[in-house]
Amino acid sequence: MKSLKKQRRIQLISVAVVALIAATGLIGYGLRDGINFFRAPSQVLAEPPGPSEVFRIGGLVEEGTLRRGEGEEISFSVTDGGASVPVVFAGVLPDLFEENQGMVGTGSYINGTFQASEILAKHDETYMPKEVIDALKDQGVYVAPEG
């Protein structure tokens, strides 16, 4: 009798371990496209990512670089004070998007240009993503908002 209980217990633990491994694998597979790493312009230029890698870039929209092209195509540069990366975006920009303001873009770095699929801008006069603030502090150009 004791060996039958022990055998059932081992089987139950084995099934639980297999189920846990399968659940972890399914979660990882489901999130593979939803995980985007953040990079500052200095990091992008220091270690350029591959063209198939999707990531987020953030910083300030560099003054004098915002250009509107044909249709909905917009080009500008994003900077963290130490480096600038040219950005191209085809779409409608957020209403609060402007030069010298914080932004975060999602996309890929192809042939020296960040091809953005999504652009996010600040939501009020003091907001800036934490990653952008950290990158600006590292470059020594961050100025804390008043108030």
C-alpha atoms as a PDB file:
ATOM      1  CA  MET A   1       0.000   0.000   0.000  1.00  0.00           C
ATOM      2  CA  LYS A   2       2.724   2.477   0.880  1.00  0.00           C
ATOM      3  CA  SER A   3       4.493   2.042  -2.460  1.00  0.00           C
ATOM      4  CA  LEU A   4       1.207   2.698  -4.348  1.00  0.00           C
ATOM      5  CA  LYS A   5       0.705   6.021  -2.474  1.00  0.00           C
ATOM      6  CA  LYS A   6       4.328   6.960  -3.087  1.00  0.00           C
ATOM      7  CA  GLN A   7       4.012   6.104  -6.791  1.00  0.00           C
ATOM      8  CA  ARG A   8       0.832   8.221  -7.143  1.00  0.00           C
ATOM      9  CA  ARG A   9       2.506  11.138  -5.371  1.00  0.00           C
ATOM     10  CA  ILE A  10       5.488  10.977  -7.762  1.00  0.00           C
ATOM     11  CA  GLN A  11       3.132  10.859 -10.760  1.00  0.00           C
ATOM     12  CA  LEU A  12       1.176  13.865  -9.486  1.00  0.00           C
ATOM     13  CA  ILE A  13       4.368  15.889  -8.918  1.00  0.00           C
ATOM     14  CA  SER A  14       5.647  14.931 -12.388  1.00  0.00           C
ATOM     15  CA  VAL A  15       2.395  16.047 -14.049  1.00  0.00           C
ATOM     16  CA  ALA A  16       2.478  19.339 -12.090  1.00  0.00           C
ATOM     17  CA  VAL A  17       6.077  20.042 -13.175  1.00  0.00           C
ATOM     18  CA  VAL A  18       5.270  19.331 -16.843  1.00  0.00           C
ATOM     19  CA  ALA A  19       2.177  21.575 -16.652  1.00  0.00           C
ATOM     20  CA  LEU A  20       4.237  24.390 -15.068  1.00  0.00           C
ATOM     21  CA  ILE A  21       6.893  24.141 -17.786  1.00  0.00           C
ATOM     22  CA  ALA A  22       4.232  24.153 -20.521  1.00  0.00           C
ATOM     23  CA  ALA A  23       2.459  27.180 -18.990  1.00  0.00           C
ATOM     24  CA  THR A  24       5.746  29.109 -18.733  1.00  0.00           C
ATOM     25  CA  GLY A  25       6.557  28.308 -22.366  1.00  0.00           C
ATOM     26  CA  LEU A  26       3.115  29.448 -23.552  1.00  0.00           C
ATOM     27  CA  ILE A  27       3.375  32.720 -21.617  1.00  0.00           C
ATOM     28  CA  GLY A  28       6.821  33.427 -23.085  1.00  0.00           C
ATOM     29  CA  TYR A  29       5.591  32.625 -26.591  1.00  0.00           C
ATOM     30  CA  GLY A  30       2.584  34.917 -26.161  1.00  0.00           C
ATOM     31  CA  LEU A  31       4.696  37.849 -24.943  1.00  0.00           C
ATOM     32  CA  ARG A  32       7.499  37.566 -27.514  1.00  0.00           C
ATOM     33  CA  ASP A  33       6.165  40.475 -29.623  1.00  0.00           C
ATOM     34  CA  GLY A  34       5.029  42.592 -26.677  1.00  0.00           C
ATOM     35  CA  ILE A  35       8.425  43.086 -25.068  1.00  0.00           C
ATOM     36  CA  ASN A  36      10.262  46.143 -26.396  1.00  0.00           C
ATOM     37  CA  PHE A  37      13.523  47.284 -24.871  1.00  0.00           C
ATOM     38  CA  PHE A  38      14.219  50.989 -24.348  1.00  0.00           C
ATOM     39  CA  ARG A  39      17.336  52.650 -25.727  1.00  0.00           C
ATOM     40  CA  ALA A  40      18.606  56.213 -25.660  1.00  0.00           C
ATOM     41  CA  PRO A  41      20.090  57.688 -28.870  1.00  0.00           C
ATOM     42  CA  SER A  42      23.640  57.348 -27.447  1.00  0.00           C
ATOM     43  CA  GLN A  43      23.048  53.634 -26.833  1.00  0.00           C
ATOM     44  CA  VAL A  44      21.654  53.145 -30.349  1.00  0.00           C
ATOM     45  CA  LEU A  45      24.721  54.722 -31.962  1.00  0.00           C
ATOM     46  CA  ALA A  46      27.173  52.924 -29.646  1.00  0.00           C
ATOM     47  CA  GLU A  47      25.666  49.486 -30.291  1.00  0.00           C
ATOM     48  CA  PRO A  48      23.375  49.603 -33.344  1.00  0.00           C
ATOM     49  CA  PRO A  49      20.611  46.971 -33.142  1.00  0.00           C
ATOM     50  CA  GLY A  50      19.781  44.697 -36.045  1.00  0.00           C
ATOM     51  CA  PRO A  51      17.162  45.827 -38.581  1.00  0.00           C
ATOM     52  CA  SER A  52      14.700  43.167 -37.430  1.00  0.00           C
ATOM     53  CA  GLU A  53      14.870  44.164 -33.745  1.00  0.00           C
ATOM     54  CA  VAL A  54      11.904  46.221 -32.506  1.00  0.00           C
ATOM     55  CA  PHE A  55      12.728  48.554 -29.609  1.00  0.00           C
ATOM     56  CA  ARG A  56      11.753  51.885 -28.068  1.00  0.00           C
ATOM     57  CA  ILE A  57      13.843  55.024 -28.406  1.00  0.00           C
ATOM     58  CA  GLY A  58      13.308  58.137 -26.345  1.00  0.00           C
ATOM     59  CA  GLY A  59      14.668  61.592 -25.801  1.00  0.00           C
ATOM     60  CA  LEU A  60      13.957  65.144 -26.837  1.00  0.00           C
ATOM     61  CA  VAL A  61      12.879  66.141 -30.339  1.00  0.00           C
ATOM     62  CA  GLU A  62      15.880  68.095 -31.578  1.00  0.00           C
ATOM     63  CA  GLU A  63      15.135  71.730 -32.421  1.00  0.00           C
ATOM     64  CA  GLY A  64      15.134  72.587 -36.118  1.00  0.00           C
ATOM     65  CA  THR A  65      14.881  68.986 -37.334  1.00  0.00           C
ATOM     66  CA  LEU A  66      11.098  68.526 -37.619  1.00  0.00           C
ATOM     67  CA  ARG A  67      10.206  68.199 -41.330  1.00  0.00           C
ATOM     68  CA  ARG A  68       6.891  67.257 -42.872  1.00  0.00           C
ATOM     69  CA  GLY A  69       7.165  65.352 -46.129  1.00  0.00           C
ATOM     70  CA  GLU A  70       4.700  64.113 -48.700  1.00  0.00           C
ATOM     71  CA  GLY A  71       1.426  62.908 -47.214  1.00  0.00           C
ATOM     72  CA  GLU A  72       1.742  61.858 -43.601  1.00  0.00           C
ATOM     73  CA  GLU A  73       5.527  61.255 -43.562  1.00  0.00           C
ATOM     74  CA  ILE A  74       7.383  63.170 -40.872  1.00  0.00           C
ATOM     75  CA  SER A  75      11.115  63.200 -40.160  1.00  0.00           C
ATOM     76  CA  PHE A  76      12.987  64.585 -37.173  1.00  0.00           C
ATOM     77  CA  SER A  77      15.902  63.758 -34.893  1.00  0.00           C
ATOM     78  CA  VAL A  78      15.693  62.583 -31.317  1.00  0.00           C
ATOM     79  CA  THR A  79      18.527  63.455 -28.954  1.00  0.00           C
ATOM     80  CA  ASP A  80      19.628  62.720 -25.413  1.00  0.00           C
ATOM     81  CA  GLY A  81      22.151  65.553 -25.427  1.00  0.00           C
ATOM     82  CA  GLY A  82      25.045  63.300 -26.390  1.00  0.00           C
ATOM     83  CA  ALA A  83      23.869  61.886 -29.707  1.00  0.00           C
ATOM     84  CA  SER A  84      21.103  62.337 -32.253  1.00  0.00           C
ATOM     85  CA  VAL A  85      19.272  59.662 -34.224  1.00  0.00           C
ATOM     86  CA  PRO A  86      17.210  60.529 -37.317  1.00  0.00           C
ATOM     87  CA  VAL A  87      13.610  59.289 -37.123  1.00  0.00           C
ATOM     88  CA  VAL A  88      11.073  58.744 -39.903  1.00  0.00           C
ATOM     89  CA  PHE A  89       7.397  58.240 -39.100  1.00  0.00           C
ATOM     90  CA  ALA A  90       4.433  57.804 -41.437  1.00  0.00           C
ATOM     91  CA  GLY A  91       1.246  58.612 -39.613  1.00  0.00           C
ATOM     92  CA  VAL A  92      -0.472  61.170 -37.452  1.00  0.00           C
ATOM     93  CA  LEU A  93       1.625  62.621 -34.642  1.00  0.00           C
ATOM     94  CA  PRO A  94       0.129  63.165 -31.180  1.00  0.00           C
ATOM     95  CA  ASP A  95      -1.311  66.657 -30.632  1.00  0.00           C
ATOM     96  CA  LEU A  96       1.309  67.545 -28.004  1.00  0.00           C
ATOM     97  CA  PHE A  97       4.282  66.536 -30.189  1.00  0.00           C
ATOM     98  CA  GLU A  98       6.707  69.416 -30.823  1.00  0.00           C
ATOM     99  CA  GLU A  99      10.393  70.337 -30.843  1.00  0.00           C
ATOM    100  CA  ASN A 100      12.331  70.324 -27.539  1.00  0.00           C
ATOM    101  CA  GLN A 101       9.728  68.042 -25.954  1.00  0.00           C
ATOM    102  CA  GLY A 102      10.045  64.483 -24.692  1.00  0.00           C
ATOM    103  CA  MET A 103       8.973  61.604 -26.915  1.00  0.00           C
ATOM    104  CA  VAL A 104       9.164  57.832 -27.094  1.00  0.00           C
ATOM    105  CA  GLY A 105       8.992  55.943 -30.375  1.00  0.00           C
ATOM    106  CA  THR A 106       8.623  52.245 -31.141  1.00  0.00           C
ATOM    107  CA  GLY A 107      10.189  50.800 -34.276  1.00  0.00           C
ATOM    108  CA  SER A 108      13.399  49.523 -35.885  1.00  0.00           C
ATOM    109  CA  TYR A 109      16.816  50.989 -36.720  1.00  0.00           C
ATOM    110  CA  ILE A 110      17.351  50.482 -40.457  1.00  0.00           C
ATOM    111  CA  ASN A 111      20.291  51.929 -42.450  1.00  0.00           C
ATOM    112  CA  GLY A 112      21.090  54.591 -39.850  1.00  0.00           C
ATOM    113  CA  THR A 113      17.497  55.796 -39.445  1.00  0.00           C
ATOM    114  CA  PHE A 114      14.935  54.831 -36.832  1.00  0.00           C
ATOM    115  CA  GLN A 115      11.776  53.752 -38.691  1.00  0.00           C
ATOM    116  CA  ALA A 116       9.010  54.457 -36.167  1.00  0.00           C
ATOM    117  CA  SER A 117       5.731  52.576 -36.164  1.00  0.00           C
ATOM    118  CA  GLU A 118       4.390  54.469 -33.133  1.00  0.00           C
ATOM    119  CA  ILE A 119       5.205  57.844 -31.559  1.00  0.00           C
ATOM    120  CA  LEU A 120       4.176  58.864 -28.056  1.00  0.00           C
ATOM    121  CA  ALA A 121       4.492  62.393 -26.689  1.00  0.00           C
ATOM    122  CA  LYS A 122       4.280  63.882 -23.239  1.00  0.00           C
ATOM    123  CA  HIS A 123       0.801  64.291 -21.781  1.00  0.00           C
ATOM    124  CA  ASP A 124       1.321  67.555 -19.904  1.00  0.00           C
ATOM    125  CA  GLU A 125       4.007  70.171 -19.451  1.00  0.00           C
ATOM    126  CA  THR A 126       5.979  68.182 -16.855  1.00  0.00           C
ATOM    127  CA  TYR A 127       5.704  64.553 -18.003  1.00  0.00           C
ATOM    128  CA  MET A 128       8.676  62.683 -19.393  1.00  0.00           C
ATOM    129  CA  PRO A 129       9.166  58.883 -19.363  1.00  0.00           C
ATOM    130  CA  LYS A 130      11.483  57.640 -16.612  1.00  0.00           C
ATOM    131  CA  GLU A 131      13.853  56.082 -19.142  1.00  0.00           C
ATOM    132  CA  VAL A 132      14.195  59.402 -20.982  1.00  0.00           C
ATOM    133  CA  ILE A 133      14.896  61.261 -17.720  1.00  0.00           C
ATOM    134  CA  ASP A 134      17.558  58.688 -16.789  1.00  0.00           C
ATOM    135  CA  ALA A 135      19.210  58.972 -20.215  1.00  0.00           C
ATOM    136  CA  LEU A 136      19.209  62.789 -20.044  1.00  0.00           C
ATOM    137  CA  LYS A 137      20.662  62.677 -16.504  1.00  0.00           C
ATOM    138  CA  ASP A 138      23.431  60.354 -17.726  1.00  0.00           C
ATOM    139  CA  GLN A 139      24.308  62.928 -20.410  1.00  0.00           C
ATOM    140  CA  GLY A 140      24.149  65.786 -17.867  1.00  0.00           C
ATOM    141  CA  VAL A 141      21.503  67.772 -19.757  1.00  0.00           C
ATOM    142  CA  TYR A 142      18.377  67.051 -17.684  1.00  0.00           C
ATOM    143  CA  VAL A 143      16.668  70.095 -16.187  1.00  0.00           C
ATOM    144  CA  ALA A 144      13.982  69.319 -13.590  1.00  0.00           C
ATOM    145  CA  PRO A 145      10.629  70.987 -14.268  1.00  0.00           C
ATOM    146  CA  GLU A 146       9.613  73.808 -11.961  1.00  0.00           C
ATOM    147  CA  GLY A 147       6.641  73.311  -9.705  1.00  0.00           C
END
